[in-house]
């Protein structure tokens, strides 16, 4: 199957994201590291830049960060409803 545009950029190469029950309790990680997809997303959401992530985690690559984001996007495509509660503030 040929993917183009946004769909092509969101395809996750299988080798970049892995899950092993012996590593980080099986959470998806950037392959060859103990850096979880969750950690990458949390740091980006908190305002850290890609350059900051790369300097804090020398084994992480820009391609690994993109793969983590693409993995999360694909995971959210599942036919599951995620109720979102509003934070009182």
Foldseek 3Di string as FASTA:
>chain_A
DDDDDPRVLLDADPQQWFFDCVAPNRAIDGHPDSHHLVNLVVCVVVPDDPVNVCVVPVVDDPSSSSNSVSVVVVVVVPPDDDDDDDDDD
